Amino acid sequence: MRATVVTVAILFVGCAAVDIRGPHANRLSSEDIRQIKAFVISDSHLISPWVHITTVAPDRVQVEHGGLTSSDAMSINGKHVTKFFVVKRHGRWSVDERFGLEGTAEITAW
């Protein structure tokens, strides 16, 4: 059976564009989304920040967030991405501690 990717909404976390997709995307309530977004930390060094929430099960999502980086808010000098999993237990979302954070950073040198 082929999984269907559904984009449910474009929301905003601060200035970050948020998209929600995956085979269970339509099952996330606005309260689920609010709780999941709470795990994303705002970073003033990110330009054009974004958040992707991908449902992998009704009670499990992968959160990926990042953006272009700037040390002076004027010039772009790289990009940063962080990924982690969040699970729902007893009506509350929490970071899945079985898997660590996965982060990448790219710095552009002139």
PDB file of N, CA and C in Angstrom:
ATOM      1  N   MET A   1       0.842  -1.178   0.000  1.00  0.00           N
ATOM      2  CA  MET A   1       0.000   0.000   0.000  1.00  0.00           C
ATOM      3  C   MET A   1       0.884   1.237   0.000  1.00  0.00           C
ATOM      4  N   ARG A   2       0.585   2.146  -0.853  1.00  0.00           N
ATOM      5  CA  ARG A   2       1.387   3.347  -0.988  1.00  0.00           C
ATOM      6  C   ARG A   2       0.918   4.411  -0.014  1.00  0.00           C
ATOM      7  N   ALA A   3       1.854   4.997   0.719  1.00  0.00           N
ATOM      8  CA  ALA A   3       1.514   6.065   1.673  1.00  0.00           C
ATOM      9  C   ALA A   3       1.262   7.355   0.912  1.00  0.00           C
ATOM     10  N   THR A   4       0.234   8.039   1.281  1.00  0.00           N
ATOM     11  CA  THR A   4      -0.104   9.305   0.655  1.00  0.00           C
ATOM     12  C   THR A   4       0.422  10.440   1.513  1.00  0.00           C
ATOM     13  N   VAL A   5       1.096  11.375   0.894  1.00  0.00           N
ATOM     14  CA  VAL A   5       1.605  12.541   1.608  1.00  0.00           C
ATOM     15  C   VAL A   5       0.577  13.651   1.453  1.00  0.00           C
ATOM     16  N   VAL A   6       0.135  14.161   2.578  1.00  0.00           N
ATOM     17  CA  VAL A   6      -0.888  15.199   2.590  1.00  0.00           C
ATOM     18  C   VAL A   6      -0.328  16.421   3.287  1.00  0.00           C
ATOM     19  N   THR A   7      -0.395  17.550   2.626  1.00  0.00           N
ATOM     20  CA  THR A   7      -0.027  18.796   3.290  1.00  0.00           C
ATOM     21  C   THR A   7      -1.282  19.345   3.928  1.00  0.00           C
ATOM     22  N   VAL A   8      -1.275  19.424   5.249  1.00  0.00           N
ATOM     23  CA  VAL A   8      -2.462  19.833   5.980  1.00  0.00           C
ATOM     24  C   VAL A   8      -2.542  21.339   6.125  1.00  0.00           C
ATOM     25  N   ALA A   9      -1.415  21.971   6.481  1.00  0.00           N
ATOM     26  CA  ALA A   9      -1.505  23.396   6.780  1.00  0.00           C
ATOM     27  C   ALA A   9      -0.155  24.056   6.641  1.00  0.00           C
ATOM     28  N   ILE A  10      -0.195  25.324   6.419  1.00  0.00           N
ATOM     29  CA  ILE A  10       0.991  26.161   6.532  1.00  0.00           C
ATOM     30  C   ILE A  10       0.698  27.079   7.714  1.00  0.00           C
ATOM     31  N   LEU A  11       1.500  26.953   8.740  1.00  0.00           N
ATOM     32  CA  LEU A  11       1.326  27.730   9.959  1.00  0.00           C
ATOM     33  C   LEU A  11       2.579  28.560  10.190  1.00  0.00           C
ATOM     34  N   PHE A  12       2.615  29.293  11.267  1.00  0.00           N
ATOM     35  CA  PHE A  12       3.799  30.069  11.572  1.00  0.00           C
ATOM     36  C   PHE A  12       4.202  29.898  13.026  1.00  0.00           C
ATOM     37  N   VAL A  13       5.502  29.636  13.258  1.00  0.00           N
ATOM     38  CA  VAL A  13       6.096  29.604  14.590  1.00  0.00           C
ATOM     39  C   VAL A  13       7.000  30.820  14.589  1.00  0.00           C
ATOM     40  N   GLY A  14       6.575  31.884  15.246  1.00  0.00           N
ATOM     41  CA  GLY A  14       7.313  33.128  15.129  1.00  0.00           C
ATOM     42  C   GLY A  14       7.260  33.519  13.664  1.00  0.00           C
ATOM     43  N   CYS A  15       8.402  33.518  13.009  1.00  0.00           N
ATOM     44  CA  CYS A  15       8.468  33.812  11.581  1.00  0.00           C
ATOM     45  C   CYS A  15       8.712  32.549  10.765  1.00  0.00           C
ATOM     46  N   ALA A  16       8.681  31.393  11.388  1.00  0.00           N
ATOM     47  CA  ALA A  16       8.999  30.152  10.692  1.00  0.00           C
ATOM     48  C   ALA A  16       7.782  29.589   9.982  1.00  0.00           C
ATOM     49  N   ALA A  17       7.949  29.268   8.703  1.00  0.00           N
ATOM     50  CA  ALA A  17       6.898  28.593   7.958  1.00  0.00           C
ATOM     51  C   ALA A  17       6.851  27.140   8.413  1.00  0.00           C
ATOM     52  N   VAL A  18       5.639  26.626   8.660  1.00  0.00           N
ATOM     53  CA  VAL A  18       5.466  25.263   9.149  1.00  0.00           C
ATOM     54  C   VAL A  18       4.606  24.501   8.152  1.00  0.00           C
ATOM     55  N   ASP A  19       5.069  23.312   7.734  1.00  0.00           N
ATOM     56  CA  ASP A  19       4.195  22.477   6.937  1.00  0.00           C
ATOM     57  C   ASP A  19       4.085  21.109   7.579  1.00  0.00           C
ATOM     58  N   ILE A  20       2.911  20.509   7.418  1.00  0.00           N
ATOM     59  CA  ILE A  20       2.601  19.235   8.048  1.00  0.00           C
ATOM     60  C   ILE A  20       2.225  18.268   6.945  1.00  0.00           C
ATOM     61  N   ARG A  21       2.865  17.100   6.950  1.00  0.00           N
ATOM     62  CA  ARG A  21       2.626  16.123   5.897  1.00  0.00           C
ATOM     63  C   ARG A  21       2.750  14.724   6.455  1.00  0.00           C
ATOM     64  N   GLY A  22       2.443  13.761   5.638  1.00  0.00           N
ATOM     65  CA  GLY A  22       2.569  12.369   6.029  1.00  0.00           C
ATOM     66  C   GLY A  22       1.231  11.659   5.999  1.00  0.00           C
ATOM     67  N   PRO A  23       1.246  10.348   6.122  1.00  0.00           N
ATOM     68  CA  PRO A  23       0.024   9.560   5.986  1.00  0.00           C
ATOM     69  C   PRO A  23      -1.010   9.799   7.086  1.00  0.00           C
ATOM     70  N   HIS A  24      -0.619  10.389   8.198  1.00  0.00           N
ATOM     71  CA  HIS A  24      -1.545  10.635   9.302  1.00  0.00           C
ATOM     72  C   HIS A  24      -1.704  12.130   9.587  1.00  0.00           C
ATOM     73  N   ALA A  25      -1.313  12.960   8.636  1.00  0.00           N
ATOM     74  CA  ALA A  25      -1.326  14.411   8.851  1.00  0.00           C
ATOM     75  C   ALA A  25      -2.717  14.936   9.190  1.00  0.00           C
ATOM     76  N   ASN A  26      -3.739  14.383   8.571  1.00  0.00           N
ATOM     77  CA  ASN A  26      -5.096  14.886   8.814  1.00  0.00           C
ATOM     78  C   ASN A  26      -5.636  14.489  10.186  1.00  0.00           C
ATOM     79  N   ARG A  27      -4.916  13.656  10.918  1.00  0.00           N
ATOM     80  CA  ARG A  27      -5.347  13.254  12.264  1.00  0.00           C
ATOM     81  C   ARG A  27      -4.822  14.185  13.356  1.00  0.00           C
ATOM     82  N   LEU A  28      -3.873  15.059  13.025  1.00  0.00           N
ATOM     83  CA  LEU A  28      -3.331  15.975  14.031  1.00  0.00           C
ATOM     84  C   LEU A  28      -4.322  17.092  14.297  1.00  0.00           C
ATOM     85  N   SER A  29      -4.650  17.288  15.556  1.00  0.00           N
ATOM     86  CA  SER A  29      -5.544  18.381  15.936  1.00  0.00           C
ATOM     87  C   SER A  29      -4.740  19.668  16.075  1.00  0.00           C
ATOM     88  N   SER A  30      -5.424  20.786  16.191  1.00  0.00           N
ATOM     89  CA  SER A  30      -4.714  22.057  16.398  1.00  0.00           C
ATOM     90  C   SER A  30      -3.961  22.028  17.729  1.00  0.00           C
ATOM     91  N   GLU A  31      -4.494  21.331  18.736  1.00  0.00           N
ATOM     92  CA  GLU A  31      -3.789  21.198  20.021  1.00  0.00           C
ATOM     93  C   GLU A  31      -2.542  20.333  19.860  1.00  0.00           C
ATOM     94  N   ASP A  32      -2.617  19.261  19.056  1.00  0.00           N
ATOM     95  CA  ASP A  32      -1.429  18.444  18.777  1.00  0.00           C
ATOM     96  C   ASP A  32      -0.344  19.306  18.148  1.00  0.00           C
ATOM     97  N   ILE A  33      -0.724  20.084  17.160  1.00  0.00           N
ATOM     98  CA  ILE A  33       0.241  20.930  16.440  1.00  0.00           C
ATOM     99  C   ILE A  33       0.846  21.963  17.382  1.00  0.00           C
ATOM    100  N   ARG A  34       0.024  22.555  18.242  1.00  0.00           N
ATOM    101  CA  ARG A  34       0.536  23.543  19.208  1.00  0.00           C
ATOM    102  C   ARG A  34       1.570  22.899  20.121  1.00  0.00           C
ATOM    103  N   GLN A  35       1.274  21.700  20.634  1.00  0.00           N
ATOM    104  CA  GLN A  35       2.211  21.020  21.525  1.00  0.00           C
ATOM    105  C   GLN A  35       3.505  20.660  20.797  1.00  0.00           C
ATOM    106  N   ILE A  36       3.403  20.189  19.571  1.00  0.00           N
ATOM    107  CA  ILE A  36       4.595  19.810  18.802  1.00  0.00           C
ATOM    108  C   ILE A  36       5.451  21.037  18.508  1.00  0.00           C
ATOM    109  N   LYS A  37       4.816  22.142  18.104  1.00  0.00           N
ATOM    110  CA  LYS A  37       5.567  23.369  17.797  1.00  0.00           C
ATOM    111  C   LYS A  37       6.310  23.896  19.009  1.00  0.00           C
ATOM    112  N   ALA A  38       5.829  23.591  20.215  1.00  0.00           N
ATOM    113  CA  ALA A  38       6.479  24.079  21.435  1.00  0.00           C
ATOM    114  C   ALA A  38       7.901  23.539  21.589  1.00  0.00           C
ATOM    115  N   PHE A  39       8.240  22.447  20.916  1.00  0.00           N
ATOM    116  CA  PHE A  39       9.576  21.878  21.007  1.00  0.00           C
ATOM    117  C   PHE A  39      10.586  22.567  20.088  1.00  0.00           C
ATOM    118  N   VAL A  40      10.102  23.403  19.193  1.00  0.00           N
ATOM    119  CA  VAL A  40      10.980  24.112  18.264  1.00  0.00           C
ATOM    120  C   VAL A  40      11.403  25.417  18.903  1.00  0.00           C
ATOM    121  N   ILE A  41      12.690  25.610  19.027  1.00  0.00           N
ATOM    122  CA  ILE A  41      13.240  26.799  19.678  1.00  0.00           C
ATOM    123  C   ILE A  41      13.528  27.866  18.632  1.00  0.00           C
ATOM    124  N   SER A  42      13.061  29.072  18.888  1.00  0.00           N
ATOM    125  CA  SER A  42      13.347  30.182  17.987  1.00  0.00           C
ATOM    126  C   SER A  42      14.827  30.527  18.058  1.00  0.00           C
ATOM    127  N   ASP A  43      15.383  30.858  16.931  1.00  0.00           N
ATOM    128  CA  ASP A  43      16.798  31.226  16.849  1.00  0.00           C
ATOM    129  C   ASP A  43      16.898  32.498  16.032  1.00  0.00           C
ATOM    130  N   SER A  44      17.308  33.568  16.657  1.00  0.00           N
ATOM    131  CA  SER A  44      17.380  34.864  15.973  1.00  0.00           C
ATOM    132  C   SER A  44      18.446  34.891  14.879  1.00  0.00           C
ATOM    133  N   HIS A  45      19.331  33.893  14.846  1.00  0.00           N
ATOM    134  CA  HIS A  45      20.357  33.845  13.808  1.00  0.00           C
ATOM    135  C   HIS A  45      19.868  33.165  12.529  1.00  0.00           C
ATOM    136  N   LEU A  46      18.636  32.632  12.544  1.00  0.00           N
ATOM    137  CA  LEU A  46      18.105  31.981  11.353  1.00  0.00           C
ATOM    138  C   LEU A  46      17.339  32.974  10.493  1.00  0.00           C
ATOM    139  N   ILE A  47      17.635  32.955   9.209  1.00  0.00           N
ATOM    140  CA  ILE A  47      16.918  33.755   8.221  1.00  0.00           C
ATOM    141  C   ILE A  47      16.030  32.778   7.460  1.00  0.00           C
ATOM    142  N   SER A  48      14.805  33.138   7.194  1.00  0.00           N
ATOM    143  CA  SER A  48      13.835  32.262   6.519  1.00  0.00           C
ATOM    144  C   SER A  48      13.711  30.922   7.231  1.00  0.00           C
ATOM    145  N   PRO A  49      13.432  30.935   8.544  1.00  0.00           N
ATOM    146  CA  PRO A  49      13.306  29.664   9.264  1.00  0.00           C
ATOM    147  C   PRO A  49      12.084  28.879   8.790  1.00  0.00           C
ATOM    148  N   TRP A  50      12.157  27.572   8.908  1.00  0.00           N
ATOM    149  CA  TRP A  50      11.067  26.683   8.506  1.00  0.00           C
ATOM    150  C   TRP A  50      10.987  25.501   9.458  1.00  0.00           C
ATOM    151  N   VAL A  51       9.814  24.870   9.491  1.00  0.00           N
ATOM    152  CA  VAL A  51       9.585  23.677  10.296  1.00  0.00           C
ATOM    153  C   VAL A  51       8.779  22.698   9.448  1.00  0.00           C
ATOM    154  N   HIS A  52       9.242  21.442   9.361  1.00  0.00           N
ATOM    155  CA  HIS A  52       8.507  20.375   8.690  1.00  0.00           C
ATOM    156  C   HIS A  52       8.098  19.365   9.757  1.00  0.00           C
ATOM    157  N   ILE A  53       6.826  19.044   9.815  1.00  0.00           N
ATOM    158  CA  ILE A  53       6.323  18.004  10.703  1.00  0.00           C
ATOM    159  C   ILE A  53       5.815  16.881   9.810  1.00  0.00           C
ATOM    160  N   THR A  54       6.434  15.705   9.927  1.00  0.00           N
ATOM    161  CA  THR A  54       6.050  14.556   9.103  1.00  0.00           C
ATOM    162  C   THR A  54       5.493  13.471  10.008  1.00  0.00           C
ATOM    163  N   THR A  55       4.233  13.103   9.786  1.00  0.00           N
ATOM    164  CA  THR A  55       3.621  12.052  10.598  1.00  0.00           C
ATOM    165  C   THR A  55       4.116  10.697  10.101  1.00  0.00           C
ATOM    166  N   VAL A  56       4.566   9.864  11.011  1.00  0.00           N
ATOM    167  CA  VAL A  56       4.987   8.511  10.653  1.00  0.00           C
ATOM    168  C   VAL A  56       4.049   7.478  11.270  1.00  0.00           C
ATOM    169  N   ALA A  57       3.236   7.893  12.224  1.00  0.00           N
ATOM    170  CA  ALA A  57       2.196   7.089  12.862  1.00  0.00           C
ATOM    171  C   ALA A  57       1.234   8.079  13.514  1.00  0.00           C
ATOM    172  N   PRO A  58       0.038   7.643  13.901  1.00  0.00           N
ATOM    173  CA  PRO A  58      -0.897   8.594  14.534  1.00  0.00           C
ATOM    174  C   PRO A  58      -0.341   9.247  15.793  1.00  0.00           C
ATOM    175  N   ASP A  59       0.604   8.573  16.461  1.00  0.00           N
ATOM    176  CA  ASP A  59       1.155   9.098  17.713  1.00  0.00           C
ATOM    177  C   ASP A  59       2.663   9.347  17.631  1.00  0.00           C
ATOM    178  N   ARG A  60       3.191   9.523  16.415  1.00  0.00           N
ATOM    179  CA  ARG A  60       4.639   9.718  16.243  1.00  0.00           C
ATOM    180  C   ARG A  60       4.895  10.592  15.028  1.00  0.00           C
ATOM    181  N   VAL A  61       5.702  11.657  15.226  1.00  0.00           N
ATOM    182  CA  VAL A  61       6.064  12.545  14.119  1.00  0.00           C
ATOM    183  C   VAL A  61       7.565  12.826  14.144  1.00  0.00           C
ATOM    184  N   GLN A  62       8.082  13.149  12.970  1.00  0.00           N
ATOM    185  CA  GLN A  62       9.460  13.634  12.888  1.00  0.00           C
ATOM    186  C   GLN A  62       9.373  15.137  12.684  1.00  0.00           C
ATOM    187  N   VAL A  63      10.115  15.873  13.491  1.00  0.00           N
ATOM    188  CA  VAL A  63      10.165  17.326  13.379  1.00  0.00           C
ATOM    189  C   VAL A  63      11.542  17.688  12.816  1.00  0.00           C
ATOM    190  N   GLU A  64      11.528  18.494  11.782  1.00  0.00           N
ATOM    191  CA  GLU A  64      12.769  18.981  11.169  1.00  0.00           C
ATOM    192  C   GLU A  64      12.637  20.490  11.077  1.00  0.00           C
ATOM    193  N   HIS A  65      13.609  21.203  11.633  1.00  0.00           N
ATOM    194  CA  HIS A  65      13.547  22.664  11.543  1.00  0.00           C
ATOM    195  C   HIS A  65      14.924  23.218  11.260  1.00  0.00           C
ATOM    196  N   GLY A  66      14.931  24.388  10.661  1.00  0.00           N
ATOM    197  CA  GLY A  66      16.202  25.017  10.326  1.00  0.00           C
ATOM    198  C   GLY A  66      15.982  26.287   9.536  1.00  0.00           C
ATOM    199  N   GLY A  67      17.031  26.699   8.869  1.00  0.00           N
ATOM    200  CA  GLY A  67      16.985  27.905   8.059  1.00  0.00           C
ATOM    201  C   GLY A  67      18.386  28.333   7.682  1.00  0.00           C
ATOM    202  N   LEU A  68      18.452  29.410   6.963  1.00  0.00           N
ATOM    203  CA  LEU A  68      19.741  29.991   6.612  1.00  0.00           C
ATOM    204  C   LEU A  68      20.264  30.739   7.824  1.00  0.00           C
ATOM    205  N   THR A  69      21.577  30.773   7.996  1.00  0.00           N
ATOM    206  CA  THR A  69      22.155  31.433   9.165  1.00  0.00           C
ATOM    207  C   THR A  69      22.834  32.742   8.782  1.00  0.00           C
ATOM    208  N   SER A  70      22.850  33.638   9.754  1.00  0.00           N
ATOM    209  CA  SER A  70      23.498  34.933   9.573  1.00  0.00           C
ATOM    210  C   SER A  70      24.083  35.362  10.910  1.00  0.00           C
ATOM    211  N   SER A  71      25.314  35.818  10.888  1.00  0.00           N
ATOM    212  CA  SER A  71      25.928  36.295  12.123  1.00  0.00           C
ATOM    213  C   SER A  71      25.648  37.777  12.358  1.00  0.00           C
ATOM    214  N   ASP A  72      25.241  38.489  11.297  1.00  0.00           N
ATOM    215  CA  ASP A  72      25.017  39.926  11.438  1.00  0.00           C
ATOM    216  C   ASP A  72      23.625  40.376  10.977  1.00  0.00           C
ATOM    217  N   ALA A  73      22.746  39.437  10.670  1.00  0.00           N
ATOM    218  CA  ALA A  73      21.388  39.706  10.191  1.00  0.00           C
ATOM    219  C   ALA A  73      21.357  40.411   8.838  1.00  0.00           C
ATOM    220  N   MET A  74      22.492  40.505   8.182  1.00  0.00           N
ATOM    221  CA  MET A  74      22.562  41.159   6.877  1.00  0.00           C
ATOM    222  C   MET A  74      23.017  40.200   5.783  1.00  0.00           C
ATOM    223  N   SER A  75      23.922  39.302   6.126  1.00  0.00           N
ATOM    224  CA  SER A  75      24.481  38.408   5.111  1.00  0.00           C
ATOM    225  C   SER A  75      24.263  36.956   5.514  1.00  0.00           C
ATOM    226  N   ILE A  76      24.068  36.119   4.520  1.00  0.00           N
ATOM    227  CA  ILE A  76      23.869  34.694   4.762  1.00  0.00           C
ATOM    228  C   ILE A  76      25.234  34.015   4.766  1.00  0.00           C
ATOM    229  N   ASN A  77      25.501  33.221   5.825  1.00  0.00           N
ATOM    230  CA  ASN A  77      26.805  32.566   5.889  1.00  0.00           C
ATOM    231  C   ASN A  77      26.691  31.057   6.120  1.00  0.00           C
ATOM    232  N   GLY A  78      25.512  30.488   5.895  1.00  0.00           N
ATOM    233  CA  GLY A  78      25.376  29.044   6.020  1.00  0.00           C
ATOM    234  C   GLY A  78      23.938  28.629   6.245  1.00  0.00           C
ATOM    235  N   LYS A  79      23.767  27.375   6.657  1.00  0.00           N
ATOM    236  CA  LYS A  79      22.424  26.900   6.998  1.00  0.00           C
ATOM    237  C   LYS A  79      22.525  25.889   8.127  1.00  0.00           C
ATOM    238  N   HIS A  80      21.412  25.735   8.829  1.00  0.00           N
ATOM    239  CA  HIS A  80      21.361  24.854   9.989  1.00  0.00           C
ATOM    240  C   HIS A  80      20.063  24.043   9.923  1.00  0.00           C
ATOM    241  N   VAL A  81      20.142  22.750  10.238  1.00  0.00           N
ATOM    242  CA  VAL A  81      18.971  21.873  10.258  1.00  0.00           C
ATOM    243  C   VAL A  81      19.058  20.971  11.483  1.00  0.00           C
ATOM    244  N   THR A  82      17.949  20.806  12.198  1.00  0.00           N
ATOM    245  CA  THR A  82      17.863  19.882  13.330  1.00  0.00           C
ATOM    246  C   THR A  82      16.657  18.975  13.115  1.00  0.00           C
ATOM    247  N   LYS A  83      16.831  17.669  13.400  1.00  0.00           N
ATOM    248  CA  LYS A  83      15.743  16.696  13.283  1.00  0.00           C
ATOM    249  C   LYS A  83      15.593  15.944  14.602  1.00  0.00           C
ATOM    250  N   PHE A  84      14.341  15.645  14.965  1.00  0.00           N
ATOM    251  CA  PHE A  84      14.076  14.817  16.137  1.00  0.00           C
ATOM    252  C   PHE A  84      12.676  14.230  16.022  1.00  0.00           C
ATOM    253  N   PHE A  85      12.396  13.209  16.823  1.00  0.00           N
ATOM    254  CA  PHE A  85      11.085  12.567  16.838  1.00  0.00           C
ATOM    255  C   PHE A  85      10.323  12.963  18.094  1.00  0.00           C
ATOM    256  N   VAL A  86       8.999  13.071  17.953  1.00  0.00           N
ATOM    257  CA  VAL A  86       8.113  13.398  19.050  1.00  0.00           C
ATOM    258  C   VAL A  86       7.012  12.334  19.072  1.00  0.00           C
ATOM    259  N   VAL A  87       6.652  11.869  20.264  1.00  0.00           N
ATOM    260  CA  VAL A  87       5.610  10.845  20.418  1.00  0.00           C
ATOM    261  C   VAL A  87       4.509  11.344  21.351  1.00  0.00           C
ATOM    262  N   LYS A  88       3.315  10.812  21.150  1.00  0.00           N
ATOM    263  CA  LYS A  88       2.171  11.184  21.987  1.00  0.00           C
ATOM    264  C   LYS A  88       1.857  10.031  22.930  1.00  0.00           C
ATOM    265  N   ARG A  89       1.873  10.344  24.226  1.00  0.00           N
ATOM    266  CA  ARG A  89       1.542   9.365  25.262  1.00  0.00           C
ATOM    267  C   ARG A  89       0.584  10.009  26.241  1.00  0.00           C
ATOM    268  N   HIS A  90      -0.523   9.352  26.473  1.00  0.00           N
ATOM    269  CA  HIS A  90      -1.524   9.852  27.428  1.00  0.00           C
ATOM    270  C   HIS A  90      -1.979  11.277  27.098  1.00  0.00           C
ATOM    271  N   GLY A  91      -2.142  11.556  25.802  1.00  0.00           N
ATOM    272  CA  GLY A  91      -2.651  12.856  25.371  1.00  0.00           C
ATOM    273  C   GLY A  91      -1.646  13.987  25.317  1.00  0.00           C
ATOM    274  N   ARG A  92      -0.381  13.719  25.643  1.00  0.00           N
ATOM    275  CA  ARG A  92       0.660  14.760  25.638  1.00  0.00           C
ATOM    276  C   ARG A  92       1.797  14.345  24.719  1.00  0.00           C
ATOM    277  N   TRP A  93       2.340  15.308  23.992  1.00  0.00           N
ATOM    278  CA  TRP A  93       3.478  15.059  23.110  1.00  0.00           C
ATOM    279  C   TRP A  93       4.767  15.298  23.878  1.00  0.00           C
ATOM    280  N   SER A  94       5.775  14.467  23.621  1.00  0.00           N
ATOM    281  CA  SER A  94       7.092  14.645  24.231  1.00  0.00           C
ATOM    282  C   SER A  94       8.159  14.149  23.260  1.00  0.00           C
ATOM    283  N   VAL A  95       9.374  14.637  23.452  1.00  0.00           N
ATOM    284  CA  VAL A  95      10.488  14.219  22.603  1.00  0.00           C
ATOM    285  C   VAL A  95      10.768  12.744  22.853  1.00  0.00           C
ATOM    286  N   ASP A  96      10.903  11.985  21.788  1.00  0.00           N
ATOM    287  CA  ASP A  96      11.205  10.555  21.889  1.00  0.00           C
ATOM    288  C   ASP A  96      12.678  10.412  22.227  1.00  0.00           C
ATOM    289  N   GLU A  97      12.963  10.077  23.470  1.00  0.00           N
ATOM    290  CA  GLU A  97      14.350  10.023  23.946  1.00  0.00           C
ATOM    291  C   GLU A  97      15.107   8.796  23.461  1.00  0.00           C
ATOM    292  N   ARG A  98      14.396   7.858  22.798  1.00  0.00           N
ATOM    293  CA  ARG A  98      15.102   6.699  22.237  1.00  0.00           C
ATOM    294  C   ARG A  98      15.992   7.109  21.075  1.00  0.00           C
ATOM    295  N   PHE A  99      15.685   8.251  20.489  1.00  0.00           N
ATOM    296  CA  PHE A  99      16.452   8.764  19.361  1.00  0.00           C
ATOM    297  C   PHE A  99      16.960  10.150  19.727  1.00  0.00           C
ATOM    298  N   GLY A 100      18.188  10.422  19.462  1.00  0.00           N
ATOM    299  CA  GLY A 100      18.752  11.732  19.787  1.00  0.00           C
ATOM    300  C   GLY A 100      18.422  12.770  18.736  1.00  0.00           C
ATOM    301  N   LEU A 101      18.885  13.953  18.975  1.00  0.00           N
ATOM    302  CA  LEU A 101      18.772  15.023  17.992  1.00  0.00           C
ATOM    303  C   LEU A 101      19.797  14.795  16.900  1.00  0.00           C
ATOM    304  N   GLU A 102      19.407  15.086  15.692  1.00  0.00           N
ATOM    305  CA  GLU A 102      20.337  15.012  14.571  1.00  0.00           C
ATOM    306  C   GLU A 102      20.454  16.414  14.005  1.00  0.00           C
ATOM    307  N   GLY A 103      21.625  16.961  14.024  1.00  0.00           N
ATOM    308  CA  GLY A 103      21.805  18.321  13.548  1.00  0.00           C
ATOM    309  C   GLY A 103      22.903  18.435  12.522  1.00  0.00           C
ATOM    310  N   THR A 104      22.715  19.339  11.575  1.00  0.00           N
ATOM    311  CA  THR A 104      23.757  19.625  10.593  1.00  0.00           C
ATOM    312  C   THR A 104      23.912  21.135  10.471  1.00  0.00           C
ATOM    313  N   ALA A 105      25.099  21.554  10.236  1.00  0.00           N
ATOM    314  CA  ALA A 105      25.379  22.975  10.024  1.00  0.00           C
ATOM    315  C   ALA A 105      26.344  23.092   8.867  1.00  0.00           C
ATOM    316  N   GLU A 106      26.099  24.062   8.034  1.00  0.00           N
ATOM    317  CA  GLU A 106      26.965  24.345   6.887  1.00  0.00           C
ATOM    318  C   GLU A 106      27.380  25.800   6.986  1.00  0.00           C
ATOM    319  N   ILE A 107      28.657  26.059   6.919  1.00  0.00           N
ATOM    320  CA  ILE A 107      29.142  27.436   6.988  1.00  0.00           C
ATOM    321  C   ILE A 107      29.818  27.784   5.675  1.00  0.00           C
ATOM    322  N   THR A 108      29.473  28.934   5.143  1.00  0.00           N
ATOM    323  CA  THR A 108      30.067  29.401   3.898  1.00  0.00           C
ATOM    324  C   THR A 108      31.188  30.378   4.225  1.00  0.00           C
ATOM    325  N   ALA A 109      32.374  30.092   3.737  1.00  0.00           N
ATOM    326  CA  ALA A 109      33.516  30.983   3.965  1.00  0.00           C
ATOM    327  C   ALA A 109      33.808  31.742   2.671  1.00  0.00           C
ATOM    328  N   TRP A 110      33.997  33.030   2.783  1.00  0.00           N
ATOM    329  CA  TRP A 110      34.276  33.859   1.616  1.00  0.00           C
ATOM    330  C   TRP A 110      35.744  34.135   1.511  1.00  0.00           C
TER     331      TRP A 110
END
